[in-house]
PDB file of N, CA and C in Angstrom:
ATOM      1  N   HIS A   1     -50.353 -10.397  45.984  1.00  0.00           N
ATOM      2  CA  HIS A   1     -49.572 -10.328  44.766  1.00  0.00           C
ATOM      3  C   HIS A   1     -48.547  -9.209  44.935  1.00  0.00           C
ATOM      4  N   SER A   2     -47.320  -9.590  45.204  1.00  0.00           N
ATOM      5  CA  SER A   2     -46.265  -8.587  45.358  1.00  0.00           C
ATOM      6  C   SER A   2     -45.085  -8.965  44.477  1.00  0.00           C
ATOM      7  N   SER A   3     -44.499  -7.976  43.908  1.00  0.00           N
ATOM      8  CA  SER A   3     -43.322  -8.198  43.081  1.00  0.00           C
ATOM      9  C   SER A   3     -42.124  -7.541  43.740  1.00  0.00           C
ATOM     10  N   PHE A   4     -40.954  -7.811  43.180  1.00  0.00           N
ATOM     11  CA  PHE A   4     -39.735  -7.226  43.733  1.00  0.00           C
ATOM     12  C   PHE A   4     -39.761  -5.707  43.635  1.00  0.00           C
ATOM     13  N   ALA A   5     -40.272  -5.194  42.531  1.00  0.00           N
ATOM     14  CA  ALA A   5     -40.293  -3.747  42.331  1.00  0.00           C
ATOM     15  C   ALA A   5     -41.181  -3.049  43.352  1.00  0.00           C
ATOM     16  N   SER A   6     -42.291  -3.668  43.723  1.00  0.00           N
ATOM     17  CA  SER A   6     -43.177  -3.025  44.673  1.00  0.00           C
ATOM     18  C   SER A   6     -42.692  -3.187  46.108  1.00  0.00           C
ATOM     19  N   SER A   7     -41.841  -4.193  46.360  1.00  0.00           N
ATOM     20  CA  SER A   7     -41.353  -4.408  47.716  1.00  0.00           C
ATOM     21  C   SER A   7     -39.968  -3.803  47.945  1.00  0.00           C
ATOM     22  N   TYR A   8     -39.413  -3.154  46.958  1.00  0.00           N
ATOM     23  CA  TYR A   8     -38.075  -2.577  47.069  1.00  0.00           C
ATOM     24  C   TYR A   8     -38.159  -1.192  47.695  1.00  0.00           C
ATOM     25  N   HIS A   9     -37.435  -1.001  48.783  1.00  0.00           N
ATOM     26  CA  HIS A   9     -37.408   0.287  49.473  1.00  0.00           C
ATOM     27  C   HIS A   9     -35.957   0.687  49.686  1.00  0.00           C
ATOM     28  N   PRO A  10     -35.446   1.679  48.929  1.00  0.00           N
ATOM     29  CA  PRO A  10     -34.038   2.047  49.048  1.00  0.00           C
ATOM     30  C   PRO A  10     -33.664   2.581  50.420  1.00  0.00           C
ATOM     31  N   GLU A  11     -34.609   3.133  51.156  1.00  0.00           N
ATOM     32  CA  GLU A  11     -34.272   3.666  52.469  1.00  0.00           C
ATOM     33  C   GLU A  11     -33.934   2.564  53.474  1.00  0.00           C
ATOM     34  N   GLU A  12     -34.273   1.316  53.135  1.00  0.00           N
ATOM     35  CA  GLU A  12     -33.970   0.203  54.022  1.00  0.00           C
ATOM     36  C   GLU A  12     -32.570  -0.368  53.786  1.00  0.00           C
ATOM     37  N   GLU A  13     -31.876   0.102  52.772  1.00  0.00           N
ATOM     38  CA  GLU A  13     -30.531  -0.384  52.497  1.00  0.00           C
ATOM     39  C   GLU A  13     -29.569   0.116  53.566  1.00  0.00           C
ATOM     40  N   GLY A  14     -28.528  -0.689  53.781  1.00  0.00           N
ATOM     41  CA  GLY A  14     -27.530  -0.296  54.754  1.00  0.00           C
ATOM     42  C   GLY A  14     -26.578   0.747  54.201  1.00  0.00           C
ATOM     43  N   THR A  15     -25.793   1.303  55.084  1.00  0.00           N
ATOM     44  CA  THR A  15     -24.821   2.323  54.698  1.00  0.00           C
ATOM     45  C   THR A  15     -23.782   1.768  53.736  1.00  0.00           C
ATOM     46  N   PHE A  16     -23.384   0.513  53.949  1.00  0.00           N
ATOM     47  CA  PHE A  16     -22.385  -0.110  53.078  1.00  0.00           C
ATOM     48  C   PHE A  16     -22.865  -0.148  51.635  1.00  0.00           C
ATOM     49  N   TYR A  17     -24.120  -0.533  51.426  1.00  0.00           N
ATOM     50  CA  TYR A  17     -24.649  -0.618  50.072  1.00  0.00           C
ATOM     51  C   TYR A  17     -24.780   0.753  49.422  1.00  0.00           C
ATOM     52  N   LEU A  18     -25.117   1.759  50.213  1.00  0.00           N
ATOM     53  CA  LEU A  18     -25.196   3.106  49.669  1.00  0.00           C
ATOM     54  C   LEU A  18     -23.821   3.618  49.244  1.00  0.00           C
ATOM     55  N   ILE A  19     -22.819   3.333  50.072  1.00  0.00           N
ATOM     56  CA  ILE A  19     -21.453   3.732  49.730  1.00  0.00           C
ATOM     57  C   ILE A  19     -20.975   2.975  48.497  1.00  0.00           C
ATOM     58  N   LEU A  20     -21.268   1.674  48.435  1.00  0.00           N
ATOM     59  CA  LEU A  20     -20.880   0.859  47.288  1.00  0.00           C
ATOM     60  C   LEU A  20     -21.556   1.350  46.015  1.00  0.00           C
ATOM     61  N   ARG A  21     -22.825   1.707  46.101  1.00  0.00           N
ATOM     62  CA  ARG A  21     -23.545   2.224  44.933  1.00  0.00           C
ATOM     63  C   ARG A  21     -22.957   3.567  44.489  1.00  0.00           C
ATOM     64  N   TYR A  22     -22.606   4.433  45.441  1.00  0.00           N
ATOM     65  CA  TYR A  22     -22.018   5.734  45.106  1.00  0.00           C
ATOM     66  C   TYR A  22     -20.674   5.547  44.408  1.00  0.00           C
ATOM     67  N   ILE A  23     -19.828   4.653  44.931  1.00  0.00           N
ATOM     68  CA  ILE A  23     -18.509   4.418  44.335  1.00  0.00           C
ATOM     69  C   ILE A  23     -18.655   3.809  42.948  1.00  0.00           C
ATOM     70  N   SER A  24     -19.566   2.848  42.785  1.00  0.00           N
ATOM     71  CA  SER A  24     -19.734   2.240  41.464  1.00  0.00           C
ATOM     72  C   SER A  24     -20.259   3.247  40.450  1.00  0.00           C
ATOM     73  N   ASN A  25     -21.184   4.119  40.854  1.00  0.00           N
ATOM     74  CA  ASN A  25     -21.667   5.161  39.933  1.00  0.00           C
ATOM     75  C   ASN A  25     -20.558   6.148  39.582  1.00  0.00           C
ATOM     76  N   LEU A  26     -19.719   6.472  40.545  1.00  0.00           N
ATOM     77  CA  LEU A  26     -18.598   7.367  40.297  1.00  0.00           C
ATOM     78  C   LEU A  26     -17.615   6.744  39.305  1.00  0.00           C
ATOM     79  N   LEU A  27     -17.310   5.458  39.472  1.00  0.00           N
ATOM     80  CA  LEU A  27     -16.394   4.774  38.554  1.00  0.00           C
ATOM     81  C   LEU A  27     -16.986   4.669  37.159  1.00  0.00           C
ATOM     82  N   ILE A  28     -18.276   4.393  37.081  1.00  0.00           N
ATOM     83  CA  ILE A  28     -18.915   4.294  35.763  1.00  0.00           C
ATOM     84  C   ILE A  28     -18.905   5.639  35.053  1.00  0.00           C
ATOM     85  N   ASP A  29     -19.124   6.716  35.798  1.00  0.00           N
ATOM     86  CA  ASP A  29     -19.097   8.045  35.185  1.00  0.00           C
ATOM     87  C   ASP A  29     -17.704   8.433  34.702  1.00  0.00           C
ATOM     88  N   GLN A  30     -16.661   7.926  35.345  1.00  0.00           N
ATOM     89  CA  GLN A  30     -15.290   8.292  35.003  1.00  0.00           C
ATOM     90  C   GLN A  30     -14.539   7.154  34.308  1.00  0.00           C
ATOM     91  N   VAL A  31     -15.262   6.236  33.682  1.00  0.00           N
ATOM     92  CA  VAL A  31     -14.619   5.060  33.102  1.00  0.00           C
ATOM     93  C   VAL A  31     -13.627   5.427  31.997  1.00  0.00           C
ATOM     94  N   TYR A  32     -13.889   6.480  31.260  1.00  0.00           N
ATOM     95  CA  TYR A  32     -12.957   6.838  30.192  1.00  0.00           C
ATOM     96  C   TYR A  32     -11.615   7.306  30.753  1.00  0.00           C
ATOM     97  N   LEU A  33     -11.630   8.001  31.885  1.00  0.00           N
ATOM     98  CA  LEU A  33     -10.365   8.407  32.510  1.00  0.00           C
ATOM     99  C   LEU A  33      -9.601   7.207  33.052  1.00  0.00           C
ATOM    100  N   LEU A  34     -10.323   6.277  33.650  1.00  0.00           N
ATOM    101  CA  LEU A  34      -9.673   5.061  34.146  1.00  0.00           C
ATOM    102  C   LEU A  34      -9.077   4.258  32.993  1.00  0.00           C
ATOM    103  N   THR A  35      -9.793   4.206  31.889  1.00  0.00           N
ATOM    104  CA  THR A  35      -9.289   3.486  30.719  1.00  0.00           C
ATOM    105  C   THR A  35      -8.009   4.120  30.203  1.00  0.00           C
ATOM    106  N   LEU A  36      -7.968   5.435  30.134  1.00  0.00           N
ATOM    107  CA  LEU A  36      -6.756   6.114  29.670  1.00  0.00           C
ATOM    108  C   LEU A  36      -5.587   5.853  30.611  1.00  0.00           C
ATOM    109  N   ALA A  37      -5.838   5.867  31.916  1.00  0.00           N
ATOM    110  CA  ALA A  37      -4.765   5.598  32.878  1.00  0.00           C
ATOM    111  C   ALA A  37      -4.257   4.169  32.741  1.00  0.00           C
ATOM    112  N   ILE A  38      -5.152   3.216  32.555  1.00  0.00           N
ATOM    113  CA  ILE A  38      -4.744   1.818  32.398  1.00  0.00           C
ATOM    114  C   ILE A  38      -3.952   1.635  31.108  1.00  0.00           C
ATOM    115  N   LEU A  39      -4.375   2.288  30.041  1.00  0.00           N
ATOM    116  CA  LEU A  39      -3.641   2.190  28.774  1.00  0.00           C
ATOM    117  C   LEU A  39      -2.248   2.793  28.893  1.00  0.00           C
ATOM    118  N   MET A  40      -2.115   3.893  29.627  1.00  0.00           N
ATOM    119  CA  MET A  40      -0.783   4.479  29.834  1.00  0.00           C
ATOM    120  C   MET A  40       0.107   3.513  30.613  1.00  0.00           C
ATOM    121  N   LEU A  41      -0.428   2.923  31.667  1.00  0.00           N
ATOM    122  CA  LEU A  41       0.361   1.960  32.440  1.00  0.00           C
ATOM    123  C   LEU A  41       0.761   0.757  31.596  1.00  0.00           C
ATOM    124  N   TRP A  42      -0.161   0.289  30.759  1.00  0.00           N
ATOM    125  CA  TRP A  42       0.124  -0.857  29.890  1.00  0.00           C
ATOM    126  C   TRP A  42       1.261  -0.515  28.925  1.00  0.00           C
ATOM    127  N   SER A  43       1.191   0.654  28.302  1.00  0.00           N
ATOM    128  CA  SER A  43       2.201   0.992  27.301  1.00  0.00           C
ATOM    129  C   SER A  43       3.553   1.293  27.932  1.00  0.00           C
ATOM    130  N   ILE A  44       3.574   1.702  29.192  1.00  0.00           N
ATOM    131  CA  ILE A  44       4.851   1.926  29.867  1.00  0.00           C
ATOM    132  C   ILE A  44       5.441   0.609  30.366  1.00  0.00           C
ATOM    133  N   THR A  45       4.580  -0.320  30.764  1.00  0.00           N
ATOM    134  CA  THR A  45       5.041  -1.598  31.305  1.00  0.00           C
ATOM    135  C   THR A  45       5.656  -2.478  30.222  1.00  0.00           C
ATOM    136  N   TYR A  46       4.991  -2.602  29.097  1.00  0.00           N
ATOM    137  CA  TYR A  46       5.475  -3.440  27.997  1.00  0.00           C
ATOM    138  C   TYR A  46       6.107  -2.531  26.952  1.00  0.00           C
ATOM    139  N   ILE A  47       7.425  -2.423  27.009  1.00  0.00           N
ATOM    140  CA  ILE A  47       8.131  -1.456  26.176  1.00  0.00           C
ATOM    141  C   ILE A  47       8.429  -2.055  24.801  1.00  0.00           C
ATOM    142  N   SER A  48       7.879  -1.440  23.774  1.00  0.00           N
ATOM    143  CA  SER A  48       8.178  -1.781  22.389  1.00  0.00           C
ATOM    144  C   SER A  48       7.676  -0.628  21.516  1.00  0.00           C
ATOM    145  N   TRP A  49       7.992  -0.680  20.232  1.00  0.00           N
ATOM    146  CA  TRP A  49       7.548   0.386  19.338  1.00  0.00           C
ATOM    147  C   TRP A  49       6.039   0.333  19.137  1.00  0.00           C
ATOM    148  N   MET A  50       5.473  -0.856  19.164  1.00  0.00           N
ATOM    149  CA  MET A  50       4.023  -0.961  19.000  1.00  0.00           C
ATOM    150  C   MET A  50       3.305  -0.392  20.224  1.00  0.00           C
ATOM    151  N   GLU A  51       3.902  -0.548  21.383  1.00  0.00           N
ATOM    152  CA  GLU A  51       3.323   0.044  22.590  1.00  0.00           C
ATOM    153  C   GLU A  51       3.501   1.567  22.587  1.00  0.00           C
ATOM    154  N   PHE A  52       4.558   2.043  21.929  1.00  0.00           N
ATOM    155  CA  PHE A  52       4.765   3.485  21.801  1.00  0.00           C
ATOM    156  C   PHE A  52       3.613   4.123  21.028  1.00  0.00           C
ATOM    157  N   VAL A  53       3.121   3.425  20.009  1.00  0.00           N
ATOM    158  CA  VAL A  53       1.963   3.911  19.256  1.00  0.00           C
ATOM    159  C   VAL A  53       0.762   4.034  20.185  1.00  0.00           C
ATOM    160  N   LEU A  54       0.588   3.055  21.058  1.00  0.00           N
ATOM    161  CA  LEU A  54      -0.509   3.095  22.017  1.00  0.00           C
ATOM    162  C   LEU A  54      -0.352   4.269  22.980  1.00  0.00           C
ATOM    163  N   LEU A  55       0.864   4.505  23.439  1.00  0.00           N
ATOM    164  CA  LEU A  55       1.120   5.613  24.350  1.00  0.00           C
ATOM    165  C   LEU A  55       0.841   6.955  23.683  1.00  0.00           C
ATOM    166  N   VAL A  56       1.245   7.120  22.434  1.00  0.00           N
ATOM    167  CA  VAL A  56       0.982   8.362  21.704  1.00  0.00           C
ATOM    168  C   VAL A  56      -0.521   8.576  21.537  1.00  0.00           C
ATOM    169  N   LEU A  57      -1.246   7.507  21.236  1.00  0.00           N
ATOM    170  CA  LEU A  57      -2.692   7.613  21.086  1.00  0.00           C
ATOM    171  C   LEU A  57      -3.346   8.045  22.396  1.00  0.00           C
ATOM    172  N   VAL A  58      -2.915   7.460  23.493  1.00  0.00           N
ATOM    173  CA  VAL A  58      -3.496   7.805  24.790  1.00  0.00           C
ATOM    174  C   VAL A  58      -3.150   9.244  25.171  1.00  0.00           C
ATOM    175  N   CYS A  59      -1.933   9.663  24.914  1.00  0.00           N
ATOM    176  CA  CYS A  59      -1.564  11.059  25.203  1.00  0.00           C
ATOM    177  C   CYS A  59      -2.384  12.025  24.357  1.00  0.00           C
ATOM    178  N   PHE A  60      -2.627  11.665  23.110  1.00  0.00           N
ATOM    179  CA  PHE A  60      -3.476  12.489  22.256  1.00  0.00           C
ATOM    180  C   PHE A  60      -4.890  12.569  22.812  1.00  0.00           C
ATOM    181  N   LEU A  61      -5.409  11.442  23.284  1.00  0.00           N
ATOM    182  CA  LEU A  61      -6.762  11.440  23.853  1.00  0.00           C
ATOM    183  C   LEU A  61      -6.840  12.272  25.128  1.00  0.00           C
ATOM    184  N   CYS A  62      -5.749  12.317  25.881  1.00  0.00           N
ATOM    185  CA  CYS A  62      -5.753  13.099  27.122  1.00  0.00           C
ATOM    186  C   CYS A  62      -5.781  14.596  26.862  1.00  0.00           C
ATOM    187  N   ILE A  63      -5.150  15.041  25.780  1.00  0.00           N
ATOM    188  CA  ILE A  63      -5.112  16.476  25.504  1.00  0.00           C
ATOM    189  C   ILE A  63      -6.241  16.919  24.583  1.00  0.00           C
ATOM    190  N   CYS A  64      -6.998  15.987  24.090  1.00  0.00           N
ATOM    191  CA  CYS A  64      -8.121  16.303  23.207  1.00  0.00           C
ATOM    192  C   CYS A  64      -9.189  17.069  23.988  1.00  0.00           C
ATOM    193  N   PRO A  65      -9.745  18.144  23.407  1.00  0.00           N
ATOM    194  CA  PRO A  65     -10.750  18.937  24.127  1.00  0.00           C
ATOM    195  C   PRO A  65     -12.002  18.133  24.503  1.00  0.00           C
ATOM    196  N   LYS A  66     -12.405  17.230  23.664  1.00  0.00           N
ATOM    197  CA  LYS A  66     -13.569  16.385  23.953  1.00  0.00           C
ATOM    198  C   LYS A  66     -13.083  14.960  24.177  1.00  0.00           C
ATOM    199  N   ALA A  67     -12.379  14.757  25.285  1.00  0.00           N
ATOM    200  CA  ALA A  67     -11.731  13.468  25.554  1.00  0.00           C
ATOM    201  C   ALA A  67     -12.727  12.327  25.664  1.00  0.00           C
ATOM    202  N   LYS A  68     -13.866  12.577  26.266  1.00  0.00           N
ATOM    203  CA  LYS A  68     -14.843  11.508  26.449  1.00  0.00           C
ATOM    204  C   LYS A  68     -15.383  11.023  25.101  1.00  0.00           C
ATOM    205  N   GLU A  69     -15.769  11.939  24.235  1.00  0.00           N
ATOM    206  CA  GLU A  69     -16.287  11.550  22.924  1.00  0.00           C
ATOM    207  C   GLU A  69     -15.204  10.907  22.068  1.00  0.00           C
ATOM    208  N   ALA A  70     -13.982  11.430  22.165  1.00  0.00           N
ATOM    209  CA  ALA A  70     -12.878  10.852  21.392  1.00  0.00           C
ATOM    210  C   ALA A  70     -12.567   9.445  21.878  1.00  0.00           C
ATOM    211  N   SER A  71     -12.646   9.224  23.181  1.00  0.00           N
ATOM    212  CA  SER A  71     -12.397   7.887  23.719  1.00  0.00           C
ATOM    213  C   SER A  71     -13.428   6.896  23.217  1.00  0.00           C
ATOM    214  N   TYR A  72     -14.679   7.333  23.170  1.00  0.00           N
ATOM    215  CA  TYR A  72     -15.721   6.444  22.677  1.00  0.00           C
ATOM    216  C   TYR A  72     -15.543   6.145  21.195  1.00  0.00           C
ATOM    217  N   SER A  73     -15.037   7.100  20.435  1.00  0.00           N
ATOM    218  CA  SER A  73     -14.911   6.887  18.997  1.00  0.00           C
ATOM    219  C   SER A  73     -13.761   5.958  18.635  1.00  0.00           C
ATOM    220  N   VAL A  74     -12.743   5.854  19.479  1.00  0.00           N
ATOM    221  CA  VAL A  74     -11.614   4.972  19.168  1.00  0.00           C
ATOM    222  C   VAL A  74     -11.613   3.702  20.020  1.00  0.00           C
ATOM    223  N   ALA A  75     -12.697   3.460  20.735  1.00  0.00           N
ATOM    224  CA  ALA A  75     -12.727   2.320  21.658  1.00  0.00           C
ATOM    225  C   ALA A  75     -12.581   0.984  20.928  1.00  0.00           C
ATOM    226  N   TYR A  76     -13.359   0.746  19.885  1.00  0.00           N
ATOM    227  CA  TYR A  76     -13.306  -0.548  19.208  1.00  0.00           C
ATOM    228  C   TYR A  76     -11.980  -0.784  18.484  1.00  0.00           C
ATOM    229  N   PRO A  77     -11.453   0.196  17.727  1.00  0.00           N
ATOM    230  CA  PRO A  77     -10.131  -0.041  17.141  1.00  0.00           C
ATOM    231  C   PRO A  77      -9.046  -0.240  18.193  1.00  0.00           C
ATOM    232  N   LEU A  78      -9.170   0.432  19.322  1.00  0.00           N
ATOM    233  CA  LEU A  78      -8.189   0.288  20.395  1.00  0.00           C
ATOM    234  C   LEU A  78      -8.238  -1.113  21.005  1.00  0.00           C
ATOM    235  N   VAL A  79      -9.426  -1.640  21.171  1.00  0.00           N
ATOM    236  CA  VAL A  79      -9.564  -3.014  21.676  1.00  0.00           C
ATOM    237  C   VAL A  79      -8.971  -3.996  20.674  1.00  0.00           C
ATOM    238  N   GLY A  80      -9.217  -3.772  19.402  1.00  0.00           N
ATOM    239  CA  GLY A  80      -8.632  -4.639  18.376  1.00  0.00           C
ATOM    240  C   GLY A  80      -7.109  -4.575  18.374  1.00  0.00           C
ATOM    241  N   TYR A  81      -6.568  -3.370  18.488  1.00  0.00           N
ATOM    242  CA  TYR A  81      -5.116  -3.189  18.519  1.00  0.00           C
ATOM    243  C   TYR A  81      -4.514  -3.866  19.752  1.00  0.00           C
ATOM    244  N   GLY A  82      -5.165  -3.707  20.905  1.00  0.00           N
ATOM    245  CA  GLY A  82      -4.687  -4.356  22.123  1.00  0.00           C
ATOM    246  C   GLY A  82      -4.725  -5.871  22.012  1.00  0.00           C
ATOM    247  N   THR A  83      -5.777  -6.398  21.396  1.00  0.00           N
ATOM    248  CA  THR A  83      -5.883  -7.843  21.204  1.00  0.00           C
ATOM    249  C   THR A  83      -4.771  -8.347  20.291  1.00  0.00           C
ATOM    250  N   ILE A  84      -4.478  -7.607  19.260  1.00  0.00           N
ATOM    251  CA  ILE A  84      -3.382  -7.998  18.356  1.00  0.00           C
ATOM    252  C   ILE A  84      -2.052  -7.974  19.100  1.00  0.00           C
ATOM    253  N   LEU A  85      -1.808  -6.954  19.926  1.00  0.00           N
ATOM    254  CA  LEU A  85      -0.560  -6.882  20.688  1.00  0.00           C
ATOM    255  C   LEU A  85      -0.416  -8.053  21.652  1.00  0.00           C
ATOM    256  N   VAL A  86      -1.493  -8.388  22.355  1.00  0.00           N
ATOM    257  CA  VAL A  86      -1.444  -9.511  23.293  1.00  0.00           C
ATOM    258  C   VAL A  86      -1.216 -10.815  22.550  1.00  0.00           C
ATOM    259  N   THR A  87      -1.855 -10.982  21.406  1.00  0.00           N
ATOM    260  CA  THR A  87      -1.683 -12.197  20.614  1.00  0.00           C
ATOM    261  C   THR A  87      -0.249 -12.324  20.113  1.00  0.00           C
ATOM    262  N   ILE A  88       0.329 -11.235  19.628  1.00  0.00           N
ATOM    263  CA  ILE A  88       1.723 -11.259  19.156  1.00  0.00           C
ATOM    264  C   ILE A  88       2.664 -11.607  20.302  1.00  0.00           C
ATOM    265  N   GLN A  89       2.454 -11.003  21.472  1.00  0.00           N
ATOM    266  CA  GLN A  89       3.313 -11.308  22.620  1.00  0.00           C
ATOM    267  C   GLN A  89       3.167 -12.763  23.041  1.00  0.00           C
ATOM    268  N   TYR A  90       1.969 -13.302  22.966  1.00  0.00           N
ATOM    269  CA  TYR A  90       1.746 -14.704  23.312  1.00  0.00           C
ATOM    270  C   TYR A  90       2.532 -15.623  22.383  1.00  0.00           C
ATOM    271  N   PHE A  91       2.429 -15.382  21.080  1.00  0.00           N
ATOM    272  CA  PHE A  91       3.120 -16.249  20.131  1.00  0.00           C
ATOM    273  C   PHE A  91       4.633 -16.075  20.190  1.00  0.00           C
ATOM    274  N   LEU A  92       5.106 -14.885  20.522  1.00  0.00           N
ATOM    275  CA  LEU A  92       6.550 -14.696  20.667  1.00  0.00           C
ATOM    276  C   LEU A  92       7.089 -15.418  21.899  1.00  0.00           C
ATOM    277  N   LEU A  93       6.286 -15.494  22.957  1.00  0.00           N
ATOM    278  CA  LEU A  93       6.728 -16.155  24.176  1.00  0.00           C
ATOM    279  C   LEU A  93       6.629 -17.670  24.103  1.00  0.00           C
ATOM    280  N   ILE A  94       5.913 -18.197  23.130  1.00  0.00           N
ATOM    281  CA  ILE A  94       5.819 -19.662  22.977  1.00  0.00           C
ATOM    282  C   ILE A  94       7.184 -20.230  22.610  1.00  0.00           C
ATOM    283  N   GLY A  95       7.976 -19.500  21.848  1.00  0.00           N
ATOM    284  CA  GLY A  95       9.256 -20.000  21.383  1.00  0.00           C
ATOM    285  C   GLY A  95      10.367 -19.921  22.417  1.00  0.00           C
ATOM    286  N   LEU A  96      10.094 -19.479  23.636  1.00  0.00           N
ATOM    287  CA  LEU A  96      11.122 -19.388  24.659  1.00  0.00           C
ATOM    288  C   LEU A  96      11.564 -20.768  25.127  1.00  0.00           C
ATOM    289  N   PRO A  97      12.830 -20.886  25.540  1.00  0.00           N
ATOM    290  CA  PRO A  97      13.285 -22.173  26.096  1.00  0.00           C
ATOM    291  C   PRO A  97      12.507 -22.504  27.362  1.00  0.00           C
ATOM    292  N   PRO A  98      12.420 -23.796  27.730  1.00  0.00           N
ATOM    293  CA  PRO A  98      11.622 -24.192  28.872  1.00  0.00           C
ATOM    294  C   PRO A  98      12.128 -23.604  30.203  1.00  0.00           C
ATOM    295  N   GLY A  99      13.387 -23.227  30.312  1.00  0.00           N
ATOM    296  CA  GLY A  99      13.929 -22.712  31.554  1.00  0.00           C
ATOM    297  C   GLY A  99      13.492 -21.294  31.879  1.00  0.00           C
ATOM    298  N   LEU A 100      12.899 -20.587  30.945  1.00  0.00           N
ATOM    299  CA  LEU A 100      12.523 -19.190  31.192  1.00  0.00           C
ATOM    300  C   LEU A 100      11.119 -19.055  31.593  1.00  0.00           C
TER     301      LEU A 100
END
């Protein structure tokens, strides 16, 4: 009677898997910084006044003393705002002539 948990030995993993696990843990620990960088790139790429609001919010989060906690507190409204922006851009692009 053996289960996966009893037969799992981390020392038998290859170097590639250890490196992959280290990189994934590093990315997960720094996900809020990556999110802020992606939001800055998004707001610079799609230039409009609504994106300017997003850029100001991200800049505020970057200078906030507790950036990680502040990022977590505005995550859901930020996702909602981003979804609204993408939806508006989608509907605005539907009306384009077929040649564009």
